[in-house]
Structure formats: C-alpha cells, structure tokens
Amino acid sequence: MAQNPIQWFPGHMAKTRRVIKECLPQVDVVIELLDARIPYSSKNPEIEAMIEQKPRITLLTKATLADPDVSKKWAEYYNKRGSKTVIIDSVTGYGIDALDAAIKEVMAEKLERYREKGMDGRKLKAMMVGIPNVGKSSLINKLAGGKKAKVENRPGVTLAKQWVPTSVGLDLLDMPGVLWPKFEDEKVGQNLAMTGAIRDQIIDIEEIAMLLCARLMEVAPKAFCERYKLDYDEVCELDGYDLFNLVGRKRGFLISGGEINSERTANMLLEEFRSAKIGRISLEKPDA
C-alpha cells in the first residue's frame, strides 16, 4: 500500500506564527494543548522555540477519548521534563480544577508580587496554543462559563486571535491552531490525519483508514476486533488493506460487483475512532 507524505500549511498558519511572537510579551504564561491520544505527534516543535523561557503549562486534552493509563504516563513524562502537565477534557470539564491549581503553582511568584503591591485581584494573561482541532475553543468556552469561542469538530475554525475572560483568574488569548510546514516523521502526519487535525478534504481518507486499521491492531487489537466482530486469530496477520476490506464487508458496505464502498467504510472507521466508539485508545506511548 503506497504511503504519500502529508503536507498542509495554509497561509493563515504562517501569519499565526508571527502573531504568537508579537503577542508573547503581553502574556504571563503559555498554555500548550496536546491531544492525549497523540501527545508526541500533536506537539508542535516550533512552539518550543517561539515561547522561549516563558512559563508554560501542558494540557493533555480530549482525555475521555484516550486510554487513561497511557495519559497518566504521558503526564509523568512531561512533568519530568519541566512542564507542569494536566489531563483535561474540554467537553466534560474533567481536570478544570487541576488546571486552576496548576496555574497558581506555576505563577506563584508573580501572584505573590501582585499581593505585595496590593494588586491581589489582578488577572494573569495566558496565551493558548496548539494544533488545529485539539480542543482550544471548547476549553475556553468551559472556562468562560459560556459560548465565547466558535467550536466545530474540524480543524481551522479559529482564524483570528481573541481575548476571553475566564473563571480561573486568567484572561486567555486564543490563537488559531498551528501546524508546522513539514512532518519529518511520516507517522506524525498519519497520526494527525487519523485524529482529525488535518482536514479530511485534503488527504486520502481511504489510505488513512487503512493505516488506522493496521495501527489499531497494534495498539488495541481486542477493542478493534470486538467492535467489528473479527476473530483475532484469523485476522492478526492481515495488513491494513485487507483489514479495511474485511471491516467494510462485515458492515455490509457493498456496491455493485461485490466490492466494498471504500469511501463509506473509511468515513465510518475514522468517525468511530475519533468518537471513541471503538474504545478509549491512545496511538502513542511515551516509552515508544
């Protein structure tokens, strides 16, 4: 099965990189969101250089879609590397209290200086950054106690920076999602496509769904086989192409001539993985 490198770098993302650099002096702390299913692949390597020595908090988002045990290991991984890390879910609100505590811990010195100057109620300013579709707008709406940011389950919805007041002592600067110009690791591009960080309209969804089938047999074979009524012993040696076709047949997605409807099968597989209907699955582990 041919695998083509995935490239996607719209013009507004180049502009966002410039805006991040321009706005950095205005904020006290940077909050970086990573998709808990792919914390390595969703970590933009350019952001590390852009934010320099600014205090930072790392959020592992979409926690209810990821394997909770794997997410805990990722939190330990990033904590050991000096970035206060919180596991969070923007929709359910899981981890919001922990985020509040993390902000107070990371910004303790600045908050103390404010108190000494009689500025106890002064809000901190934070910049929220991350790749497209990682859950920034959903989290902002949860923190703001209402619908302040446009939310859709597709990448590239937030196209302009916006300041939003919150209930956790922060004014948040929401930035558009930023991908990077080139994915050196082919698997990084695949992971971003599987989780929906790259628009389905500009990738080969059938190829990505085939790759996903093979990946699920590696990381969550029991959940994958149970969902699609496969016998593990019969399918464990199959590649992504054969697994994909078998799933399409199991679901009855057939067209004339007995072939499977590959587009319908691909859309179904990606939707069911992204919504955790197959199970809470992480595609990456820190020890890998």
C-alpha atoms as a PDB file:
ATOM      1  CA  MET A   1       0.000   0.000   0.000  1.00  0.00           C
ATOM      2  CA  ALA A   2       1.584   3.293  -1.107  1.00  0.00           C
ATOM      3  CA  GLN A   3       2.016   5.935   1.560  1.00  0.00           C
ATOM      4  CA  ASN A   4       2.287   9.538   0.488  1.00  0.00           C
ATOM      5  CA  PRO A   5       3.801  12.194   2.774  1.00  0.00           C
ATOM      6  CA  ILE A   6       1.201  14.521   4.271  1.00  0.00           C
ATOM      7  CA  GLN A   7       1.808  18.261   3.893  1.00  0.00           C
ATOM      8  CA  TRP A   8      -0.552  21.042   4.943  1.00  0.00           C
ATOM      9  CA  PHE A   9       0.423  24.600   5.774  1.00  0.00           C
ATOM     10  CA  PRO A  10      -2.271  27.182   4.937  1.00  0.00           C
ATOM     11  CA  GLY A  11      -1.281  30.830   4.785  1.00  0.00           C
ATOM     12  CA  HIS A  12      -3.112  31.768   7.997  1.00  0.00           C
ATOM     13  CA  MET A  13      -0.806  29.434   9.921  1.00  0.00           C
ATOM     14  CA  ALA A  14       2.281  31.330   8.775  1.00  0.00           C
ATOM     15  CA  LYS A  15       0.583  34.501   9.986  1.00  0.00           C
ATOM     16  CA  THR A  16      -0.219  32.842  13.331  1.00  0.00           C
ATOM     17  CA  ARG A  17       3.453  32.103  13.941  1.00  0.00           C
ATOM     18  CA  ARG A  18       4.227  35.794  13.531  1.00  0.00           C
ATOM     19  CA  VAL A  19       1.335  36.798  15.807  1.00  0.00           C
ATOM     20  CA  ILE A  20       2.491  34.392  18.541  1.00  0.00           C
ATOM     21  CA  LYS A  21       5.905  36.053  18.588  1.00  0.00           C
ATOM     22  CA  GLU A  22       4.360  39.520  18.617  1.00  0.00           C
ATOM     23  CA  CYS A  23       1.912  38.748  21.460  1.00  0.00           C
ATOM     24  CA  LEU A  24       4.277  36.745  23.675  1.00  0.00           C
ATOM     25  CA  PRO A  25       5.483  39.829  25.646  1.00  0.00           C
ATOM     26  CA  GLN A  26       1.833  40.581  26.576  1.00  0.00           C
ATOM     27  CA  VAL A  27       1.232  37.266  28.399  1.00  0.00           C
ATOM     28  CA  ASP A  28       2.402  35.802  31.714  1.00  0.00           C
ATOM     29  CA  VAL A  29       2.091  32.109  30.855  1.00  0.00           C
ATOM     30  CA  VAL A  30       1.676  29.901  27.803  1.00  0.00           C
ATOM     31  CA  ILE A  31      -0.841  27.039  27.905  1.00  0.00           C
ATOM     32  CA  GLU A  32       0.019  24.391  25.309  1.00  0.00           C
ATOM     33  CA  LEU A  33      -2.683  21.879  24.380  1.00  0.00           C
ATOM     34  CA  LEU A  34      -1.739  18.386  23.199  1.00  0.00           C
ATOM     35  CA  ASP A  35      -4.145  15.695  22.024  1.00  0.00           C
ATOM     36  CA  ALA A  36      -3.991  12.975  24.711  1.00  0.00           C
ATOM     37  CA  ARG A  37      -4.246  10.289  22.013  1.00  0.00           C
ATOM     38  CA  ILE A  38      -1.092  11.562  20.264  1.00  0.00           C
ATOM     39  CA  PRO A  39       0.890  13.802  22.664  1.00  0.00           C
ATOM     40  CA  TYR A  40       4.124  13.453  20.703  1.00  0.00           C
ATOM     41  CA  SER A  41       2.632  13.981  17.242  1.00  0.00           C
ATOM     42  CA  SER A  42       0.449  16.895  18.358  1.00  0.00           C
ATOM     43  CA  LYS A  43       3.344  18.780  19.956  1.00  0.00           C
ATOM     44  CA  ASN A  44       4.420  21.488  17.533  1.00  0.00           C
ATOM     45  CA  PRO A  45       8.247  21.588  17.643  1.00  0.00           C
ATOM     46  CA  GLU A  46       8.260  25.229  16.527  1.00  0.00           C
ATOM     47  CA  ILE A  47       6.306  26.398  19.590  1.00  0.00           C
ATOM     48  CA  GLU A  48       9.133  25.258  21.873  1.00  0.00           C
ATOM     49  CA  ALA A  49      11.491  27.749  20.241  1.00  0.00           C
ATOM     50  CA  MET A  50       8.878  30.507  19.935  1.00  0.00           C
ATOM     51  CA  ILE A  51       7.871  30.704  23.609  1.00  0.00           C
ATOM     52  CA  GLU A  52      11.499  30.558  24.844  1.00  0.00           C
ATOM     53  CA  GLN A  53      11.649  30.902  28.670  1.00  0.00           C
ATOM     54  CA  LYS A  54       8.025  31.895  29.223  1.00  0.00           C
ATOM     55  CA  PRO A  55       6.306  29.836  31.994  1.00  0.00           C
ATOM     56  CA  ARG A  56       4.282  27.034  30.465  1.00  0.00           C
ATOM     57  CA  ILE A  57       1.525  24.559  31.315  1.00  0.00           C
ATOM     58  CA  THR A  58       0.894  21.486  29.178  1.00  0.00           C
ATOM     59  CA  LEU A  59      -2.661  20.179  28.827  1.00  0.00           C
ATOM     60  CA  LEU A  60      -3.440  16.693  27.550  1.00  0.00           C
ATOM     61  CA  THR A  61      -6.857  17.318  26.012  1.00  0.00           C
ATOM     62  CA  LYS A  62      -9.678  15.018  24.858  1.00  0.00           C
ATOM     63  CA  ALA A  63      -8.911  12.803  27.848  1.00  0.00           C
ATOM     64  CA  THR A  64     -12.165  10.839  27.554  1.00  0.00           C
ATOM     65  CA  LEU A  65     -11.102   9.640  24.086  1.00  0.00           C
ATOM     66  CA  ALA A  66      -7.662   8.387  25.186  1.00  0.00           C
ATOM     67  CA  ASP A  67      -6.506   5.424  27.265  1.00  0.00           C
ATOM     68  CA  PRO A  68      -6.427   6.845  30.835  1.00  0.00           C
ATOM     69  CA  ASP A  69      -3.434   4.739  31.909  1.00  0.00           C
ATOM     70  CA  VAL A  70      -1.405   5.901  28.915  1.00  0.00           C
ATOM     71  CA  SER A  71      -2.398   9.532  29.573  1.00  0.00           C
ATOM     72  CA  LYS A  72      -1.065   9.270  33.134  1.00  0.00           C
ATOM     73  CA  LYS A  73       2.266   8.047  31.771  1.00  0.00           C
ATOM     74  CA  TRP A  74       2.396  10.984  29.354  1.00  0.00           C
ATOM     75  CA  ALA A  75       1.669  13.426  32.188  1.00  0.00           C
ATOM     76  CA  GLU A  76       4.562  11.954  34.170  1.00  0.00           C
ATOM     77  CA  TYR A  77       6.764  12.162  31.075  1.00  0.00           C
ATOM     78  CA  TYR A  78       6.190  15.889  30.525  1.00  0.00           C
ATOM     79  CA  ASN A  79       6.252  16.722  34.248  1.00  0.00           C
ATOM     80  CA  LYS A  80       9.737  15.215  34.461  1.00  0.00           C
ATOM     81  CA  ARG A  81      10.782  17.454  31.585  1.00  0.00           C
ATOM     82  CA  GLY A  82       9.798  20.591  33.461  1.00  0.00           C
ATOM     83  CA  SER A  83       6.359  21.354  32.037  1.00  0.00           C
ATOM     84  CA  LYS A  84       3.506  21.254  34.570  1.00  0.00           C
ATOM     85  CA  THR A  85       1.047  18.853  32.944  1.00  0.00           C
ATOM     86  CA  VAL A  86      -2.701  18.405  33.453  1.00  0.00           C
ATOM     87  CA  ILE A  87      -5.007  15.800  31.913  1.00  0.00           C
ATOM     88  CA  ILE A  88      -8.211  17.530  30.842  1.00  0.00           C
ATOM     89  CA  ASP A  89     -11.389  17.129  28.827  1.00  0.00           C
ATOM     90  CA  SER A  90     -12.854  20.305  27.395  1.00  0.00           C
ATOM     91  CA  VAL A  91     -16.355  18.902  26.900  1.00  0.00           C
ATOM     92  CA  THR A  92     -16.983  17.232  30.267  1.00  0.00           C
ATOM     93  CA  GLY A  93     -14.895  19.661  32.306  1.00  0.00           C
ATOM     94  CA  TYR A  94     -12.678  16.905  33.679  1.00  0.00           C
ATOM     95  CA  GLY A  95      -9.428  18.408  35.005  1.00  0.00           C
ATOM     96  CA  ILE A  96     -10.607  22.033  35.237  1.00  0.00           C
ATOM     97  CA  ASP A  97      -9.904  22.194  38.990  1.00  0.00           C
ATOM     98  CA  ALA A  98      -6.464  20.714  38.422  1.00  0.00           C
ATOM     99  CA  LEU A  99      -5.780  23.373  35.788  1.00  0.00           C
ATOM    100  CA  ASP A 100      -6.685  26.126  38.268  1.00  0.00           C
ATOM    101  CA  ALA A 101      -4.249  24.629  40.804  1.00  0.00           C
ATOM    102  CA  ALA A 102      -1.516  24.261  38.176  1.00  0.00           C
ATOM    103  CA  ILE A 103      -1.821  27.928  37.172  1.00  0.00           C
ATOM    104  CA  LYS A 104      -1.463  29.028  40.798  1.00  0.00           C
ATOM    105  CA  GLU A 105       1.545  26.757  41.269  1.00  0.00           C
ATOM    106  CA  VAL A 106       3.393  27.807  38.124  1.00  0.00           C
ATOM    107  CA  MET A 107       2.643  31.517  38.641  1.00  0.00           C
ATOM    108  CA  ALA A 108       3.092  31.553  42.439  1.00  0.00           C
ATOM    109  CA  GLU A 109       5.956  34.093  42.417  1.00  0.00           C
ATOM    110  CA  LYS A 110       4.153  36.568  40.171  1.00  0.00           C
ATOM    111  CA  LEU A 111       0.921  36.234  42.171  1.00  0.00           C
ATOM    112  CA  GLU A 112       2.855  36.894  45.372  1.00  0.00           C
ATOM    113  CA  ARG A 113       4.381  40.042  43.855  1.00  0.00           C
ATOM    114  CA  TYR A 114       0.892  41.216  42.917  1.00  0.00           C
ATOM    115  CA  ARG A 115      -0.256  40.663  46.511  1.00  0.00           C
ATOM    116  CA  GLU A 116       2.716  42.590  47.895  1.00  0.00           C
ATOM    117  CA  LYS A 117       1.820  45.529  45.652  1.00  0.00           C
ATOM    118  CA  GLY A 118      -1.840  45.439  46.682  1.00  0.00           C
ATOM    119  CA  MET A 119      -2.899  44.055  43.282  1.00  0.00           C
ATOM    120  CA  ASP A 120      -4.443  40.873  44.662  1.00  0.00           C
ATOM    121  CA  GLY A 121      -7.318  40.784  42.174  1.00  0.00           C
ATOM    122  CA  ARG A 122      -5.254  41.384  39.063  1.00  0.00           C
ATOM    123  CA  LYS A 123      -5.765  38.703  36.439  1.00  0.00           C
ATOM    124  CA  LEU A 124      -2.954  36.835  34.759  1.00  0.00           C
ATOM    125  CA  LYS A 125      -2.770  36.781  30.990  1.00  0.00           C
ATOM    126  CA  ALA A 126      -2.274  33.475  29.208  1.00  0.00           C
ATOM    127  CA  MET A 127      -1.755  32.501  25.592  1.00  0.00           C
ATOM    128  CA  MET A 128      -3.378  29.235  24.497  1.00  0.00           C
ATOM    129  CA  VAL A 129      -1.607  27.417  21.666  1.00  0.00           C
ATOM    130  CA  GLY A 130      -1.898  24.068  19.952  1.00  0.00           C
ATOM    131  CA  ILE A 131      -2.542  22.307  16.673  1.00  0.00           C
ATOM    132  CA  PRO A 132      -5.905  22.583  14.882  1.00  0.00           C
ATOM    133  CA  ASN A 133      -8.861  20.680  16.372  1.00  0.00           C
ATOM    134  CA  VAL A 134      -7.098  20.000  19.693  1.00  0.00           C
ATOM    135  CA  GLY A 135      -9.955  21.493  21.724  1.00  0.00           C
ATOM    136  CA  LYS A 136      -8.863  25.085  22.413  1.00  0.00           C
ATOM    137  CA  SER A 137     -12.234  26.696  21.713  1.00  0.00           C
ATOM    138  CA  SER A 138     -14.141  24.062  23.721  1.00  0.00           C
ATOM    139  CA  LEU A 139     -11.839  24.602  26.709  1.00  0.00           C
ATOM    140  CA  ILE A 140     -12.156  28.387  26.501  1.00  0.00           C
ATOM    141  CA  ASN A 141     -15.935  28.094  26.491  1.00  0.00           C
ATOM    142  CA  LYS A 142     -15.800  25.827  29.546  1.00  0.00           C
ATOM    143  CA  LEU A 143     -13.501  28.239  31.414  1.00  0.00           C
ATOM    144  CA  ALA A 144     -15.519  31.273  30.357  1.00  0.00           C
ATOM    145  CA  GLY A 145     -18.794  29.725  31.511  1.00  0.00           C
ATOM    146  CA  GLY A 146     -20.482  30.276  28.184  1.00  0.00           C
ATOM    147  CA  LYS A 147     -20.045  30.226  24.454  1.00  0.00           C
ATOM    148  CA  LYS A 148     -17.286  32.742  23.775  1.00  0.00           C
ATOM    149  CA  ALA A 149     -15.376  30.953  21.009  1.00  0.00           C
ATOM    150  CA  LYS A 150     -16.659  29.265  17.861  1.00  0.00           C
ATOM    151  CA  VAL A 151     -16.492  25.490  18.196  1.00  0.00           C
ATOM    152  CA  GLU A 152     -16.648  22.875  15.457  1.00  0.00           C
ATOM    153  CA  ASN A 153     -15.168  19.390  15.276  1.00  0.00           C
ATOM    154  CA  ARG A 154     -12.930  20.226  12.357  1.00  0.00           C
ATOM    155  CA  PRO A 155      -9.548  21.927  12.037  1.00  0.00           C
ATOM    156  CA  GLY A 156      -9.070  25.548  11.099  1.00  0.00           C
ATOM    157  CA  VAL A 157     -12.215  27.063  12.662  1.00  0.00           C
ATOM    158  CA  THR A 158     -10.456  29.676  14.831  1.00  0.00           C
ATOM    159  CA  LEU A 159      -8.763  32.001  12.344  1.00  0.00           C
ATOM    160  CA  ALA A 160      -8.083  35.116  14.441  1.00  0.00           C
ATOM    161  CA  LYS A 161      -6.708  35.789  17.907  1.00  0.00           C
ATOM    162  CA  GLN A 162      -9.230  36.741  20.594  1.00  0.00           C
ATOM    163  CA  TRP A 163      -9.036  37.656  24.304  1.00  0.00           C
ATOM    164  CA  VAL A 164     -11.507  35.873  26.582  1.00  0.00           C
ATOM    165  CA  PRO A 165     -12.023  36.398  30.364  1.00  0.00           C
ATOM    166  CA  THR A 166     -12.341  33.204  32.429  1.00  0.00           C
ATOM    167  CA  SER A 167     -13.411  31.957  35.850  1.00  0.00           C
ATOM    168  CA  VAL A 168      -9.905  30.776  36.845  1.00  0.00           C
ATOM    169  CA  GLY A 169      -8.187  34.142  37.232  1.00  0.00           C
ATOM    170  CA  LEU A 170      -6.999  34.319  33.650  1.00  0.00           C
ATOM    171  CA  ASP A 171      -7.583  36.378  30.559  1.00  0.00           C
ATOM    172  CA  LEU A 172      -6.979  33.930  27.715  1.00  0.00           C
ATOM    173  CA  LEU A 173      -5.580  34.783  24.311  1.00  0.00           C
ATOM    174  CA  ASP A 174      -6.907  32.122  21.951  1.00  0.00           C
ATOM    175  CA  MET A 175      -4.695  31.607  18.915  1.00  0.00           C
ATOM    176  CA  PRO A 176      -5.583  29.782  15.692  1.00  0.00           C
ATOM    177  CA  GLY A 177      -4.262  26.229  15.501  1.00  0.00           C
ATOM    178  CA  VAL A 178      -0.761  25.939  14.112  1.00  0.00           C
ATOM    179  CA  LEU A 179       0.717  23.011  12.231  1.00  0.00           C
ATOM    180  CA  TRP A 180       4.289  23.062  11.001  1.00  0.00           C
ATOM    181  CA  PRO A 181       5.432  23.176   7.370  1.00  0.00           C
ATOM    182  CA  LYS A 182       6.959  19.701   7.140  1.00  0.00           C
ATOM    183  CA  PHE A 183       6.436  16.459   9.028  1.00  0.00           C
ATOM    184  CA  GLU A 184       9.879  14.838   9.217  1.00  0.00           C
ATOM    185  CA  ASP A 185       8.366  11.688  10.725  1.00  0.00           C
ATOM    186  CA  GLU A 186       5.843  10.068   8.381  1.00  0.00           C
ATOM    187  CA  LYS A 187       3.947   8.574  11.329  1.00  0.00           C
ATOM    188  CA  VAL A 188       3.391  12.059  12.802  1.00  0.00           C
ATOM    189  CA  GLY A 189       1.495  13.137   9.694  1.00  0.00           C
ATOM    190  CA  GLN A 190      -0.526   9.926   9.763  1.00  0.00           C
ATOM    191  CA  ASN A 191      -1.450  10.398  13.438  1.00  0.00           C
ATOM    192  CA  LEU A 192      -2.564  13.977  12.830  1.00  0.00           C
ATOM    193  CA  ALA A 193      -4.724  12.818   9.918  1.00  0.00           C
ATOM    194  CA  MET A 194      -6.239   9.923  11.900  1.00  0.00           C
ATOM    195  CA  THR A 195      -7.284  12.168  14.787  1.00  0.00           C
ATOM    196  CA  GLY A 196      -8.675  14.939  12.560  1.00  0.00           C
ATOM    197  CA  ALA A 197      -6.039  17.653  12.958  1.00  0.00           C
ATOM    198  CA  ILE A 198      -5.727  17.795   9.167  1.00  0.00           C
ATOM    199  CA  ARG A 199      -8.790  18.385   7.018  1.00  0.00           C
ATOM    200  CA  ASP A 200     -10.206  15.169   5.575  1.00  0.00           C
ATOM    201  CA  GLN A 201     -10.843  17.011   2.311  1.00  0.00           C
ATOM    202  CA  ILE A 202      -7.121  17.311   1.547  1.00  0.00           C
ATOM    203  CA  ILE A 203      -5.975  13.804   2.466  1.00  0.00           C
ATOM    204  CA  ASP A 204      -6.700  10.352   1.073  1.00  0.00           C
ATOM    205  CA  ILE A 205      -9.163   9.214   3.748  1.00  0.00           C
ATOM    206  CA  GLU A 206      -9.227   5.657   2.409  1.00  0.00           C
ATOM    207  CA  GLU A 207      -5.464   5.321   2.761  1.00  0.00           C
ATOM    208  CA  ILE A 208      -5.567   6.869   6.253  1.00  0.00           C
ATOM    209  CA  ALA A 209      -8.385   4.484   7.281  1.00  0.00           C
ATOM    210  CA  MET A 210      -6.345   1.506   6.071  1.00  0.00           C
ATOM    211  CA  LEU A 211      -3.354   2.708   8.075  1.00  0.00           C
ATOM    212  CA  LEU A 212      -5.662   3.187  11.064  1.00  0.00           C
ATOM    213  CA  CYS A 213      -6.841  -0.432  10.829  1.00  0.00           C
ATOM    214  CA  ALA A 214      -3.266  -1.662  10.971  1.00  0.00           C
ATOM    215  CA  ARG A 215      -2.435   0.694  13.847  1.00  0.00           C
ATOM    216  CA  LEU A 216      -5.459  -0.372  15.883  1.00  0.00           C
ATOM    217  CA  MET A 217      -4.411  -3.988  15.520  1.00  0.00           C
ATOM    218  CA  GLU A 218      -1.091  -2.944  17.090  1.00  0.00           C
ATOM    219  CA  VAL A 219      -2.294  -0.755  19.968  1.00  0.00           C
ATOM    220  CA  ALA A 220      -5.836  -2.000  20.710  1.00  0.00           C
ATOM    221  CA  PRO A 221      -6.461  -5.337  18.947  1.00  0.00           C
ATOM    222  CA  LYS A 222      -9.117  -6.551  21.405  1.00  0.00           C
ATOM    223  CA  ALA A 223     -11.236  -3.390  21.136  1.00  0.00           C
ATOM    224  CA  PHE A 224     -10.854  -3.292  17.340  1.00  0.00           C
ATOM    225  CA  CYS A 225     -11.837  -6.943  16.871  1.00  0.00           C
ATOM    226  CA  GLU A 226     -14.787  -6.693  19.266  1.00  0.00           C
ATOM    227  CA  ARG A 227     -16.144  -3.580  17.561  1.00  0.00           C
ATOM    228  CA  TYR A 228     -16.083  -5.109  14.077  1.00  0.00           C
ATOM    229  CA  LYS A 229     -16.767  -8.744  15.075  1.00  0.00           C
ATOM    230  CA  LEU A 230     -13.394 -10.040  13.890  1.00  0.00           C
ATOM    231  CA  ASP A 231     -11.692 -13.224  15.070  1.00  0.00           C
ATOM    232  CA  TYR A 232      -8.250 -12.129  16.234  1.00  0.00           C
ATOM    233  CA  ASP A 233      -6.581 -15.438  15.355  1.00  0.00           C
ATOM    234  CA  GLU A 234      -7.939 -15.183  11.813  1.00  0.00           C
ATOM    235  CA  VAL A 235      -7.035 -11.536  11.172  1.00  0.00           C
ATOM    236  CA  CYS A 236      -3.861 -10.903  13.228  1.00  0.00           C
ATOM    237  CA  GLU A 237      -1.610 -11.429  10.202  1.00  0.00           C
ATOM    238  CA  LEU A 238      -3.632  -9.250   7.811  1.00  0.00           C
ATOM    239  CA  ASP A 239      -2.338  -5.874   6.638  1.00  0.00           C
ATOM    240  CA  GLY A 240      -4.287  -2.624   6.749  1.00  0.00           C
ATOM    241  CA  TYR A 241      -5.720  -3.050   3.249  1.00  0.00           C
ATOM    242  CA  ASP A 242      -7.189  -6.492   3.987  1.00  0.00           C
ATOM    243  CA  LEU A 243      -8.466  -5.421   7.418  1.00  0.00           C
ATOM    244  CA  PHE A 244     -10.136  -2.385   5.857  1.00  0.00           C
ATOM    245  CA  ASN A 245     -11.900  -4.507   3.241  1.00  0.00           C
ATOM    246  CA  LEU A 246     -12.972  -7.081   5.821  1.00  0.00           C
ATOM    247  CA  VAL A 247     -14.484  -4.371   8.045  1.00  0.00           C
ATOM    248  CA  GLY A 248     -16.380  -2.949   5.057  1.00  0.00           C
ATOM    249  CA  ARG A 249     -17.818  -6.384   4.293  1.00  0.00           C
ATOM    250  CA  LYS A 250     -18.711  -7.024   7.927  1.00  0.00           C
ATOM    251  CA  ARG A 251     -20.688  -3.776   7.933  1.00  0.00           C
ATOM    252  CA  GLY A 252     -22.374  -4.622   4.634  1.00  0.00           C
ATOM    253  CA  PHE A 253     -20.980  -1.588   2.824  1.00  0.00           C
ATOM    254  CA  LEU A 254     -21.131  -3.212  -0.624  1.00  0.00           C
ATOM    255  CA  ILE A 255     -21.656  -1.811  -4.102  1.00  0.00           C
ATOM    256  CA  SER A 256     -22.346  -3.473  -7.441  1.00  0.00           C
ATOM    257  CA  GLY A 257     -19.928  -6.240  -8.288  1.00  0.00           C
ATOM    258  CA  GLY A 258     -19.483  -7.206  -4.665  1.00  0.00           C
ATOM    259  CA  GLU A 259     -16.828  -4.579  -3.989  1.00  0.00           C
ATOM    260  CA  ILE A 260     -16.939  -2.592  -0.763  1.00  0.00           C
ATOM    261  CA  ASN A 261     -17.907   1.069  -0.693  1.00  0.00           C
ATOM    262  CA  SER A 262     -14.451   2.244   0.317  1.00  0.00           C
ATOM    263  CA  GLU A 263     -15.393   5.894   0.922  1.00  0.00           C
ATOM    264  CA  ARG A 264     -18.258   4.940   3.237  1.00  0.00           C
ATOM    265  CA  THR A 265     -16.055   2.437   5.057  1.00  0.00           C
ATOM    266  CA  ALA A 266     -13.270   4.992   5.508  1.00  0.00           C
ATOM    267  CA  ASN A 267     -15.610   7.672   6.838  1.00  0.00           C
ATOM    268  CA  MET A 268     -17.175   5.192   9.260  1.00  0.00           C
ATOM    269  CA  LEU A 269     -13.819   3.968  10.604  1.00  0.00           C
ATOM    270  CA  LEU A 270     -12.436   7.465  11.153  1.00  0.00           C
ATOM    271  CA  GLU A 271     -15.652   8.704  12.783  1.00  0.00           C
ATOM    272  CA  GLU A 272     -15.869   5.725  15.127  1.00  0.00           C
ATOM    273  CA  PHE A 273     -12.214   6.025  16.151  1.00  0.00           C
ATOM    274  CA  ARG A 274     -12.423   9.794  16.700  1.00  0.00           C
ATOM    275  CA  SER A 275     -15.582   9.500  18.803  1.00  0.00           C
ATOM    276  CA  ALA A 276     -14.174   6.590  20.872  1.00  0.00           C
ATOM    277  CA  LYS A 277     -16.887   4.182  19.716  1.00  0.00           C
ATOM    278  CA  ILE A 278     -14.126   1.615  19.229  1.00  0.00           C
ATOM    279  CA  GLY A 279     -12.833   2.443  22.710  1.00  0.00           C
ATOM    280  CA  ARG A 280     -10.589   4.885  24.559  1.00  0.00           C
ATOM    281  CA  ILE A 281      -7.456   4.448  22.502  1.00  0.00           C
ATOM    282  CA  SER A 282      -4.063   6.183  22.527  1.00  0.00           C
ATOM    283  CA  LEU A 283      -1.954   5.826  19.396  1.00  0.00           C
ATOM    284  CA  GLU A 284       1.309   6.768  21.142  1.00  0.00           C
ATOM    285  CA  LYS A 285       3.039   5.787  24.373  1.00  0.00           C
ATOM    286  CA  PRO A 286       5.958   7.692  25.936  1.00  0.00           C
ATOM    287  CA  ASP A 287       8.130   4.591  26.223  1.00  0.00           C
ATOM    288  CA  ALA A 288       7.937   4.166  22.438  1.00  0.00           C
END
